[in-house]
Amino acid sequence: VDDYARRLPMLDVVVVVSSRDAVGSLPESVRPRAVVDVAHSVQKSLVLSWVPAAVLLGTDGLLAGGPVFGVDVVNQLVDDVVQEFEQVGFGQAEDEPAPA
């Protein structure tokens, strides 16, 4: 999660857990990114039936990617999003040219 947040600083990387107790079992650096899905409404509305799972929500609140399940596929989603941002030059320093 820390790596995802580092690679995607323009996005809010959030960890959704099912209980307050689960927050305590997360690495300390991840806890500030945790939200508790007490009523399981996030899980149900996004049909998140496996752990780990990931989704990408757009600024409009609509699904922009995923849901995906499993470590390898979640990592691939992050890689794809990073690549998309790099292709459009988003997040680069102002004096750094966008890739051709």
PDB file of N, CA and C in Angstrom:
ATOM      1  N   VAL A   1       0.831  -1.191   0.000  1.00  0.00           N
ATOM      2  CA  VAL A   1       0.000   0.000   0.000  1.00  0.00           C
ATOM      3  C   VAL A   1       0.872   1.250   0.000  1.00  0.00           C
ATOM      4  N   ASP A   2       1.920   1.245   0.795  1.00  0.00           N
ATOM      5  CA  ASP A   2       2.821   2.404   0.809  1.00  0.00           C
ATOM      6  C   ASP A   2       3.448   2.614  -0.561  1.00  0.00           C
ATOM      7  N   ASP A   3       3.818   1.517  -1.228  1.00  0.00           N
ATOM      8  CA  ASP A   3       4.404   1.615  -2.555  1.00  0.00           C
ATOM      9  C   ASP A   3       3.386   2.162  -3.550  1.00  0.00           C
ATOM     10  N   TYR A   4       2.149   1.703  -3.467  1.00  0.00           N
ATOM     11  CA  TYR A   4       1.102   2.207  -4.369  1.00  0.00           C
ATOM     12  C   TYR A   4       0.938   3.713  -4.176  1.00  0.00           C
ATOM     13  N   ALA A   5       0.877   4.149  -2.941  1.00  0.00           N
ATOM     14  CA  ALA A   5       0.698   5.575  -2.652  1.00  0.00           C
ATOM     15  C   ALA A   5       1.896   6.389  -3.138  1.00  0.00           C
ATOM     16  N   ARG A   6       3.092   5.827  -3.004  1.00  0.00           N
ATOM     17  CA  ARG A   6       4.293   6.531  -3.475  1.00  0.00           C
ATOM     18  C   ARG A   6       4.279   6.665  -4.990  1.00  0.00           C
ATOM     19  N   ARG A   7       3.858   5.603  -5.668  1.00  0.00           N
ATOM     20  CA  ARG A   7       3.846   5.602  -7.134  1.00  0.00           C
ATOM     21  C   ARG A   7       2.683   6.399  -7.710  1.00  0.00           C
ATOM     22  N   LEU A   8       1.647   6.611  -6.932  1.00  0.00           N
ATOM     23  CA  LEU A   8       0.455   7.327  -7.403  1.00  0.00           C
ATOM     24  C   LEU A   8       0.111   8.469  -6.448  1.00  0.00           C
ATOM     25  N   PRO A   9       1.020   9.434  -6.293  1.00  0.00           N
ATOM     26  CA  PRO A   9       0.782  10.489  -5.309  1.00  0.00           C
ATOM     27  C   PRO A   9      -0.405  11.388  -5.649  1.00  0.00           C
ATOM     28  N   MET A  10      -0.863  11.338  -6.907  1.00  0.00           N
ATOM     29  CA  MET A  10      -1.990  12.171  -7.306  1.00  0.00           C
ATOM     30  C   MET A  10      -3.332  11.536  -6.949  1.00  0.00           C
ATOM     31  N   LEU A  11      -3.304  10.304  -6.432  1.00  0.00           N
ATOM     32  CA  LEU A  11      -4.522   9.589  -6.067  1.00  0.00           C
ATOM     33  C   LEU A  11      -4.579   9.367  -4.559  1.00  0.00           C
ATOM     34  N   ASP A  12      -5.783   9.183  -4.051  1.00  0.00           N
ATOM     35  CA  ASP A  12      -5.960   8.778  -2.659  1.00  0.00           C
ATOM     36  C   ASP A  12      -5.992   7.253  -2.632  1.00  0.00           C
ATOM     37  N   VAL A  13      -4.986   6.662  -2.039  1.00  0.00           N
ATOM     38  CA  VAL A  13      -4.936   5.210  -1.892  1.00  0.00           C
ATOM     39  C   VAL A  13      -5.525   4.889  -0.522  1.00  0.00           C
ATOM     40  N   VAL A  14      -6.602   4.112  -0.520  1.00  0.00           N
ATOM     41  CA  VAL A  14      -7.337   3.813   0.704  1.00  0.00           C
ATOM     42  C   VAL A  14      -7.434   2.309   0.876  1.00  0.00           C
ATOM     43  N   VAL A  15      -7.307   1.860   2.115  1.00  0.00           N
ATOM     44  CA  VAL A  15      -7.481   0.451   2.454  1.00  0.00           C
ATOM     45  C   VAL A  15      -8.827   0.333   3.160  1.00  0.00           C
ATOM     46  N   VAL A  16      -9.684  -0.527   2.638  1.00  0.00           N
ATOM     47  CA  VAL A  16     -10.993  -0.747   3.242  1.00  0.00           C
ATOM     48  C   VAL A  16     -10.937  -2.039   4.039  1.00  0.00           C
ATOM     49  N   VAL A  17     -11.280  -1.950   5.319  1.00  0.00           N
ATOM     50  CA  VAL A  17     -11.293  -3.127   6.188  1.00  0.00           C
ATOM     51  C   VAL A  17     -12.698  -3.321   6.745  1.00  0.00           C
ATOM     52  N   SER A  18     -12.970  -4.520   7.229  1.00  0.00           N
ATOM     53  CA  SER A  18     -14.329  -4.850   7.652  1.00  0.00           C
ATOM     54  C   SER A  18     -14.625  -4.545   9.116  1.00  0.00           C
ATOM     55  N   SER A  19     -13.599  -4.242   9.912  1.00  0.00           N
ATOM     56  CA  SER A  19     -13.850  -3.947  11.329  1.00  0.00           C
ATOM     57  C   SER A  19     -12.787  -3.005  11.874  1.00  0.00           C
ATOM     58  N   ARG A  20     -13.120  -2.361  12.978  1.00  0.00           N
ATOM     59  CA  ARG A  20     -12.148  -1.490  13.636  1.00  0.00           C
ATOM     60  C   ARG A  20     -10.947  -2.293  14.130  1.00  0.00           C
ATOM     61  N   ASP A  21     -11.188  -3.518  14.569  1.00  0.00           N
ATOM     62  CA  ASP A  21     -10.091  -4.370  15.033  1.00  0.00           C
ATOM     63  C   ASP A  21      -9.090  -4.641  13.917  1.00  0.00           C
ATOM     64  N   ALA A  22      -9.574  -4.739  12.689  1.00  0.00           N
ATOM     65  CA  ALA A  22      -8.689  -5.017  11.553  1.00  0.00           C
ATOM     66  C   ALA A  22      -7.701  -3.883  11.316  1.00  0.00           C
ATOM     67  N   VAL A  23      -8.075  -2.664  11.653  1.00  0.00           N
ATOM     68  CA  VAL A  23      -7.162  -1.526  11.475  1.00  0.00           C
ATOM     69  C   VAL A  23      -5.902  -1.748  12.304  1.00  0.00           C
ATOM     70  N   GLY A  24      -6.060  -2.255  13.518  1.00  0.00           N
ATOM     71  CA  GLY A  24      -4.918  -2.500  14.395  1.00  0.00           C
ATOM     72  C   GLY A  24      -3.964  -3.546  13.877  1.00  0.00           C
ATOM     73  N   SER A  25      -4.427  -4.414  12.998  1.00  0.00           N
ATOM     74  CA  SER A  25      -3.543  -5.453  12.458  1.00  0.00           C
ATOM     75  C   SER A  25      -2.778  -4.990  11.221  1.00  0.00           C
ATOM     76  N   LEU A  26      -3.094  -3.800  10.743  1.00  0.00           N
ATOM     77  CA  LEU A  26      -2.395  -3.255   9.581  1.00  0.00           C
ATOM     78  C   LEU A  26      -1.042  -2.697  10.002  1.00  0.00           C
ATOM     79  N   PRO A  27      -0.078  -2.658   9.084  1.00  0.00           N
ATOM     80  CA  PRO A  27       1.178  -1.978   9.396  1.00  0.00           C
ATOM     81  C   PRO A  27       0.895  -0.524   9.800  1.00  0.00           C
ATOM     82  N   GLU A  28       1.660  -0.026  10.717  1.00  0.00           N
ATOM     83  CA  GLU A  28       1.417   1.320  11.249  1.00  0.00           C
ATOM     84  C   GLU A  28       1.372   2.389  10.158  1.00  0.00           C
ATOM     85  N   SER A  29       2.208   2.253   9.138  1.00  0.00           N
ATOM     86  CA  SER A  29       2.240   3.256   8.071  1.00  0.00           C
ATOM     87  C   SER A  29       0.971   3.237   7.220  1.00  0.00           C
ATOM     88  N   VAL A  30       0.239   2.128   7.237  1.00  0.00           N
ATOM     89  CA  VAL A  30      -0.967   1.985   6.421  1.00  0.00           C
ATOM     90  C   VAL A  30      -2.220   2.438   7.178  1.00  0.00           C
ATOM     91  N   ARG A  31      -2.185   2.406   8.487  1.00  0.00           N
ATOM     92  CA  ARG A  31      -3.380   2.707   9.293  1.00  0.00           C
ATOM     93  C   ARG A  31      -4.042   4.038   8.962  1.00  0.00           C
ATOM     94  N   PRO A  32      -3.295   5.105   8.692  1.00  0.00           N
ATOM     95  CA  PRO A  32      -3.978   6.362   8.354  1.00  0.00           C
ATOM     96  C   PRO A  32      -4.768   6.290   7.053  1.00  0.00           C
ATOM     97  N   ARG A  33      -4.492   5.320   6.219  1.00  0.00           N
ATOM     98  CA  ARG A  33      -5.193   5.152   4.947  1.00  0.00           C
ATOM     99  C   ARG A  33      -6.406   4.232   5.078  1.00  0.00           C
ATOM    100  N   ALA A  34      -6.660   3.712   6.265  1.00  0.00           N
ATOM    101  CA  ALA A  34      -7.716   2.723   6.452  1.00  0.00           C
ATOM    102  C   ALA A  34      -9.063   3.378   6.722  1.00  0.00           C
ATOM    103  N   VAL A  35     -10.089   2.800   6.130  1.00  0.00           N
ATOM    104  CA  VAL A  35     -11.478   3.150   6.438  1.00  0.00           C
ATOM    105  C   VAL A  35     -12.199   1.843   6.755  1.00  0.00           C
ATOM    106  N   VAL A  36     -13.155   1.933   7.675  1.00  0.00           N
ATOM    107  CA  VAL A  36     -13.874   0.746   8.115  1.00  0.00           C
ATOM    108  C   VAL A  36     -15.228   0.695   7.405  1.00  0.00           C
ATOM    109  N   ASP A  37     -15.453  -0.414   6.731  1.00  0.00           N
ATOM    110  CA  ASP A  37     -16.706  -0.664   6.016  1.00  0.00           C
ATOM    111  C   ASP A  37     -17.645  -1.435   6.950  1.00  0.00           C
ATOM    112  N   VAL A  38     -18.134  -0.737   7.981  1.00  0.00           N
ATOM    113  CA  VAL A  38     -18.898  -1.365   9.046  1.00  0.00           C
ATOM    114  C   VAL A  38     -20.114  -2.129   8.517  1.00  0.00           C
ATOM    115  N   ALA A  39     -20.859  -1.542   7.620  1.00  0.00           N
ATOM    116  CA  ALA A  39     -22.067  -2.181   7.099  1.00  0.00           C
ATOM    117  C   ALA A  39     -21.780  -3.020   5.856  1.00  0.00           C
ATOM    118  N   HIS A  40     -20.518  -3.113   5.483  1.00  0.00           N
ATOM    119  CA  HIS A  40     -20.101  -3.863   4.288  1.00  0.00           C
ATOM    120  C   HIS A  40     -20.715  -3.297   3.006  1.00  0.00           C
ATOM    121  N   SER A  41     -21.069  -2.031   3.037  1.00  0.00           N
ATOM    122  CA  SER A  41     -21.700  -1.419   1.859  1.00  0.00           C
ATOM    123  C   SER A  41     -20.722  -1.257   0.699  1.00  0.00           C
ATOM    124  N   VAL A  42     -19.467  -0.958   0.991  1.00  0.00           N
ATOM    125  CA  VAL A  42     -18.460  -0.851  -0.073  1.00  0.00           C
ATOM    126  C   VAL A  42     -18.257  -2.223  -0.703  1.00  0.00           C
ATOM    127  N   GLN A  43     -18.084  -3.209   0.143  1.00  0.00           N
ATOM    128  CA  GLN A  43     -17.883  -4.579  -0.345  1.00  0.00           C
ATOM    129  C   GLN A  43     -19.054  -5.025  -1.218  1.00  0.00           C
ATOM    130  N   LYS A  44     -20.267  -4.774  -0.769  1.00  0.00           N
ATOM    131  CA  LYS A  44     -21.450  -5.215  -1.511  1.00  0.00           C
ATOM    132  C   LYS A  44     -21.640  -4.432  -2.808  1.00  0.00           C
ATOM    133  N   SER A  45     -21.499  -3.120  -2.747  1.00  0.00           N
ATOM    134  CA  SER A  45     -21.769  -2.309  -3.939  1.00  0.00           C
ATOM    135  C   SER A  45     -20.735  -2.511  -5.033  1.00  0.00           C
ATOM    136  N   LEU A  46     -19.494  -2.813  -4.658  1.00  0.00           N
ATOM    137  CA  LEU A  46     -18.439  -3.031  -5.646  1.00  0.00           C
ATOM    138  C   LEU A  46     -18.182  -4.518  -5.913  1.00  0.00           C
ATOM    139  N   VAL A  47     -18.969  -5.377  -5.282  1.00  0.00           N
ATOM    140  CA  VAL A  47     -18.869  -6.828  -5.443  1.00  0.00           C
ATOM    141  C   VAL A  47     -17.431  -7.299  -5.185  1.00  0.00           C
ATOM    142  N   LEU A  48     -16.916  -6.906  -4.043  1.00  0.00           N
ATOM    143  CA  LEU A  48     -15.561  -7.279  -3.655  1.00  0.00           C
ATOM    144  C   LEU A  48     -15.632  -8.547  -2.815  1.00  0.00           C
ATOM    145  N   SER A  49     -15.463  -9.676  -3.473  1.00  0.00           N
ATOM    146  CA  SER A  49     -15.649 -10.956  -2.809  1.00  0.00           C
ATOM    147  C   SER A  49     -14.344 -11.659  -2.450  1.00  0.00           C
ATOM    148  N   TRP A  50     -13.212 -11.111  -2.820  1.00  0.00           N
ATOM    149  CA  TRP A  50     -11.915 -11.720  -2.536  1.00  0.00           C
ATOM    150  C   TRP A  50     -10.997 -10.687  -1.895  1.00  0.00           C
ATOM    151  N   VAL A  51      -9.992 -11.174  -1.210  1.00  0.00           N
ATOM    152  CA  VAL A  51      -8.979 -10.306  -0.607  1.00  0.00           C
ATOM    153  C   VAL A  51      -7.626 -10.810  -1.074  1.00  0.00           C
ATOM    154  N   PRO A  52      -6.756  -9.980  -1.582  1.00  0.00           N
ATOM    155  CA  PRO A  52      -6.955  -8.544  -1.787  1.00  0.00           C
ATOM    156  C   PRO A  52      -7.740  -8.266  -3.066  1.00  0.00           C
ATOM    157  N   ALA A  53      -8.373  -7.122  -3.052  1.00  0.00           N
ATOM    158  CA  ALA A  53      -9.114  -6.638  -4.218  1.00  0.00           C
ATOM    159  C   ALA A  53      -8.809  -5.156  -4.364  1.00  0.00           C
ATOM    160  N   ALA A  54      -9.022  -4.648  -5.565  1.00  0.00           N
ATOM    161  CA  ALA A  54      -8.785  -3.223  -5.794  1.00  0.00           C
ATOM    162  C   ALA A  54      -9.760  -2.697  -6.831  1.00  0.00           C
ATOM    163  N   VAL A  55     -10.100  -1.443  -6.665  1.00  0.00           N
ATOM    164  CA  VAL A  55     -10.897  -0.719  -7.651  1.00  0.00           C
ATOM    165  C   VAL A  55     -10.277   0.656  -7.809  1.00  0.00           C
ATOM    166  N   LEU A  56     -10.550   1.257  -8.936  1.00  0.00           N
ATOM    167  CA  LEU A  56     -10.132   2.628  -9.194  1.00  0.00           C
ATOM    168  C   LEU A  56     -11.397   3.419  -9.427  1.00  0.00           C
ATOM    169  N   LEU A  57     -11.631   4.421  -8.583  1.00  0.00           N
ATOM    170  CA  LEU A  57     -12.796   5.273  -8.741  1.00  0.00           C
ATOM    171  C   LEU A  57     -12.367   6.586  -9.360  1.00  0.00           C
ATOM    172  N   GLY A  58     -13.150   7.071 -10.313  1.00  0.00           N
ATOM    173  CA  GLY A  58     -12.870   8.342 -10.956  1.00  0.00           C
ATOM    174  C   GLY A  58     -13.279   9.503 -10.074  1.00  0.00           C
ATOM    175  N   THR A  59     -12.929  10.697 -10.486  1.00  0.00           N
ATOM    176  CA  THR A  59     -13.306  11.880  -9.722  1.00  0.00           C
ATOM    177  C   THR A  59     -14.812  12.064  -9.668  1.00  0.00           C
ATOM    178  N   ASP A  60     -15.520  11.405 -10.584  1.00  0.00           N
ATOM    179  CA  ASP A  60     -16.978  11.457 -10.581  1.00  0.00           C
ATOM    180  C   ASP A  60     -17.591  10.404  -9.667  1.00  0.00           C
ATOM    181  N   GLY A  61     -16.742   9.613  -9.000  1.00  0.00           N
ATOM    182  CA  GLY A  61     -17.214   8.584  -8.101  1.00  0.00           C
ATOM    183  C   GLY A  61     -17.601   7.288  -8.788  1.00  0.00           C
ATOM    184  N   LEU A  62     -17.471   7.249 -10.093  1.00  0.00           N
ATOM    185  CA  LEU A  62     -17.813   6.051 -10.843  1.00  0.00           C
ATOM    186  C   LEU A  62     -16.597   5.154 -11.011  1.00  0.00           C
ATOM    187  N   LEU A  63     -16.854   3.895 -11.258  1.00  0.00           N
ATOM    188  CA  LEU A  63     -15.798   2.907 -11.421  1.00  0.00           C
ATOM    189  C   LEU A  63     -14.970   3.212 -12.670  1.00  0.00           C
ATOM    190  N   ALA A  64     -13.656   3.383 -12.475  1.00  0.00           N
ATOM    191  CA  ALA A  64     -12.756   3.667 -13.590  1.00  0.00           C
ATOM    192  C   ALA A  64     -11.828   2.499 -13.876  1.00  0.00           C
ATOM    193  N   GLY A  65     -11.752   1.540 -12.965  1.00  0.00           N
ATOM    194  CA  GLY A  65     -10.931   0.361 -13.157  1.00  0.00           C
ATOM    195  C   GLY A  65     -11.266  -0.688 -12.128  1.00  0.00           C
ATOM    196  N   GLY A  66     -11.201  -1.944 -12.535  1.00  0.00           N
ATOM    197  CA  GLY A  66     -11.496  -3.032 -11.632  1.00  0.00           C
ATOM    198  C   GLY A  66     -12.985  -3.285 -11.531  1.00  0.00           C
ATOM    199  N   PRO A  67     -13.420  -4.039 -10.575  1.00  0.00           N
ATOM    200  CA  PRO A  67     -12.590  -4.606  -9.517  1.00  0.00           C
ATOM    201  C   PRO A  67     -11.687  -5.724 -10.031  1.00  0.00           C
ATOM    202  N   VAL A  68     -10.543  -5.838  -9.376  1.00  0.00           N
ATOM    203  CA  VAL A  68      -9.595  -6.899  -9.667  1.00  0.00           C
ATOM    204  C   VAL A  68      -9.274  -7.601  -8.348  1.00  0.00           C
ATOM    205  N   PHE A  69      -8.890  -8.870  -8.461  1.00  0.00           N
ATOM    206  CA  PHE A  69      -8.668  -9.690  -7.275  1.00  0.00           C
ATOM    207  C   PHE A  69      -7.340 -10.419  -7.368  1.00  0.00           C
ATOM    208  N   GLY A  70      -6.616 -10.451  -6.248  1.00  0.00           N
ATOM    209  CA  GLY A  70      -5.347 -11.161  -6.181  1.00  0.00           C
ATOM    210  C   GLY A  70      -4.173 -10.202  -6.266  1.00  0.00           C
ATOM    211  N   VAL A  71      -3.109 -10.544  -5.588  1.00  0.00           N
ATOM    212  CA  VAL A  71      -1.930  -9.668  -5.500  1.00  0.00           C
ATOM    213  C   VAL A  71      -1.390  -9.313  -6.880  1.00  0.00           C
ATOM    214  N   ASP A  72      -1.198 -10.305  -7.732  1.00  0.00           N
ATOM    215  CA  ASP A  72      -0.607 -10.046  -9.048  1.00  0.00           C
ATOM    216  C   ASP A  72      -1.482  -9.123  -9.890  1.00  0.00           C
ATOM    217  N   VAL A  73      -2.778  -9.326  -9.846  1.00  0.00           N
ATOM    218  CA  VAL A  73      -3.685  -8.519 -10.665  1.00  0.00           C
ATOM    219  C   VAL A  73      -3.822  -7.103 -10.091  1.00  0.00           C
ATOM    220  N   VAL A  74      -3.817  -6.977  -8.772  1.00  0.00           N
ATOM    221  CA  VAL A  74      -3.836  -5.646  -8.150  1.00  0.00           C
ATOM    222  C   VAL A  74      -2.571  -4.891  -8.536  1.00  0.00           C
ATOM    223  N   ASN A  75      -1.420  -5.565  -8.459  1.00  0.00           N
ATOM    224  CA  ASN A  75      -0.162  -4.928  -8.870  1.00  0.00           C
ATOM    225  C   ASN A  75      -0.218  -4.502 -10.334  1.00  0.00           C
ATOM    226  N   GLN A  76      -0.808  -5.318 -11.180  1.00  0.00           N
ATOM    227  CA  GLN A  76      -0.926  -4.979 -12.602  1.00  0.00           C
ATOM    228  C   GLN A  76      -1.815  -3.755 -12.805  1.00  0.00           C
ATOM    229  N   LEU A  77      -2.901  -3.666 -12.044  1.00  0.00           N
ATOM    230  CA  LEU A  77      -3.768  -2.480 -12.134  1.00  0.00           C
ATOM    231  C   LEU A  77      -2.981  -1.222 -11.778  1.00  0.00           C
ATOM    232  N   VAL A  78      -2.217  -1.294 -10.707  1.00  0.00           N
ATOM    233  CA  VAL A  78      -1.408  -0.137 -10.300  1.00  0.00           C
ATOM    234  C   VAL A  78      -0.401   0.199 -11.394  1.00  0.00           C
ATOM    235  N   ASP A  79       0.286  -0.808 -11.929  1.00  0.00           N
ATOM    236  CA  ASP A  79       1.252  -0.576 -13.014  1.00  0.00           C
ATOM    237  C   ASP A  79       0.579   0.089 -14.211  1.00  0.00           C
ATOM    238  N   ASP A  80      -0.621  -0.385 -14.563  1.00  0.00           N
ATOM    239  CA  ASP A  80      -1.349   0.182 -15.704  1.00  0.00           C
ATOM    240  C   ASP A  80      -1.722   1.638 -15.466  1.00  0.00           C
ATOM    241  N   VAL A  81      -2.178   1.952 -14.253  1.00  0.00           N
ATOM    242  CA  VAL A  81      -2.558   3.333 -13.938  1.00  0.00           C
ATOM    243  C   VAL A  81      -1.329   4.238 -13.957  1.00  0.00           C
ATOM    244  N   VAL A  82      -0.221   3.770 -13.377  1.00  0.00           N
ATOM    245  CA  VAL A  82       1.024   4.547 -13.405  1.00  0.00           C
ATOM    246  C   VAL A  82       1.425   4.812 -14.852  1.00  0.00           C
ATOM    247  N   GLN A  83       1.363   3.787 -15.685  1.00  0.00           N
ATOM    248  CA  GLN A  83       1.734   3.935 -17.094  1.00  0.00           C
ATOM    249  C   GLN A  83       0.831   4.940 -17.812  1.00  0.00           C
ATOM    250  N   GLU A  84      -0.461   4.889 -17.549  1.00  0.00           N
ATOM    251  CA  GLU A  84      -1.391   5.841 -18.173  1.00  0.00           C
ATOM    252  C   GLU A  84      -1.049   7.275 -17.783  1.00  0.00           C
ATOM    253  N   PHE A  85      -0.775   7.506 -16.501  1.00  0.00           N
ATOM    254  CA  PHE A  85      -0.412   8.853 -16.060  1.00  0.00           C
ATOM    255  C   PHE A  85       0.906   9.298 -16.679  1.00  0.00           C
ATOM    256  N   GLU A  86       1.867   8.384 -16.772  1.00  0.00           N
ATOM    257  CA  GLU A  86       3.155   8.722 -17.386  1.00  0.00           C
ATOM    258  C   GLU A  86       2.986   9.081 -18.858  1.00  0.00           C
ATOM    259  N   GLN A  87       2.124   8.372 -19.572  1.00  0.00           N
ATOM    260  CA  GLN A  87       1.916   8.633 -20.996  1.00  0.00           C
ATOM    261  C   GLN A  87       1.353  10.027 -21.258  1.00  0.00           C
ATOM    262  N   VAL A  88       0.554  10.525 -20.345  1.00  0.00           N
ATOM    263  CA  VAL A  88      -0.011  11.873 -20.544  1.00  0.00           C
ATOM    264  C   VAL A  88       0.811  12.939 -19.831  1.00  0.00           C
ATOM    265  N   GLY A  89       1.902  12.517 -19.163  1.00  0.00           N
ATOM    266  CA  GLY A  89       2.787  13.479 -18.516  1.00  0.00           C
ATOM    267  C   GLY A  89       2.266  13.998 -17.194  1.00  0.00           C
ATOM    268  N   PHE A  90       1.240  13.358 -16.632  1.00  0.00           N
ATOM    269  CA  PHE A  90       0.674  13.809 -15.366  1.00  0.00           C
ATOM    270  C   PHE A  90       1.609  13.476 -14.225  1.00  0.00           C
ATOM    271  N   GLY A  91       1.881  14.458 -13.373  1.00  0.00           N
ATOM    272  CA  GLY A  91       2.724  14.241 -12.207  1.00  0.00           C
ATOM    273  C   GLY A  91       4.188  14.494 -12.445  1.00  0.00           C
ATOM    274  N   GLN A  92       4.589  14.862 -13.672  1.00  0.00           N
ATOM    275  CA  GLN A  92       5.987  15.146 -13.933  1.00  0.00           C
ATOM    276  C   GLN A  92       6.302  16.580 -13.541  1.00  0.00           C
ATOM    277  N   ALA A  93       7.554  16.814 -13.270  1.00  0.00           N
ATOM    278  CA  ALA A  93       8.004  18.178 -12.970  1.00  0.00           C
ATOM    279  C   ALA A  93       7.732  19.065 -14.185  1.00  0.00           C
ATOM    280  N   GLU A  94       7.467  20.348 -13.936  1.00  0.00           N
ATOM    281  CA  GLU A  94       7.121  21.265 -15.014  1.00  0.00           C
ATOM    282  C   GLU A  94       8.200  21.361 -16.076  1.00  0.00           C
ATOM    283  N   ASP A  95       9.487  21.256 -15.688  1.00  0.00           N
ATOM    284  CA  ASP A  95      10.558  21.384 -16.669  1.00  0.00           C
ATOM    285  C   ASP A  95      10.916  20.056 -17.326  1.00  0.00           C
ATOM    286  N   GLU A  96      10.274  18.972 -16.913  1.00  0.00           N
ATOM    287  CA  GLU A  96      10.538  17.662 -17.488  1.00  0.00           C
ATOM    288  C   GLU A  96       9.584  17.426 -18.644  1.00  0.00           C
ATOM    289  N   PRO A  97      10.101  17.126 -19.832  1.00  0.00           N
ATOM    290  CA  PRO A  97       9.217  16.935 -20.977  1.00  0.00           C
ATOM    291  C   PRO A  97       8.395  15.654 -20.854  1.00  0.00           C
ATOM    292  N   ALA A  98       7.193  15.691 -21.393  1.00  0.00           N
ATOM    293  CA  ALA A  98       6.345  14.494 -21.424  1.00  0.00           C
ATOM    294  C   ALA A  98       6.942  13.504 -22.404  1.00  0.00           C
ATOM    295  N   PRO A  99       6.764  12.213 -22.149  1.00  0.00           N
ATOM    296  CA  PRO A  99       7.305  11.215 -23.084  1.00  0.00           C
ATOM    297  C   PRO A  99       6.636  11.336 -24.435  1.00  0.00           C
ATOM    298  N   ALA A 100       7.424  11.078 -25.482  1.00  0.00           N
ATOM    299  CA  ALA A 100       6.884  11.192 -26.846  1.00  0.00           C
ATOM    300  C   ALA A 100       6.094   9.968 -27.236  1.00  0.00           C
TER     301      ALA A 100
END
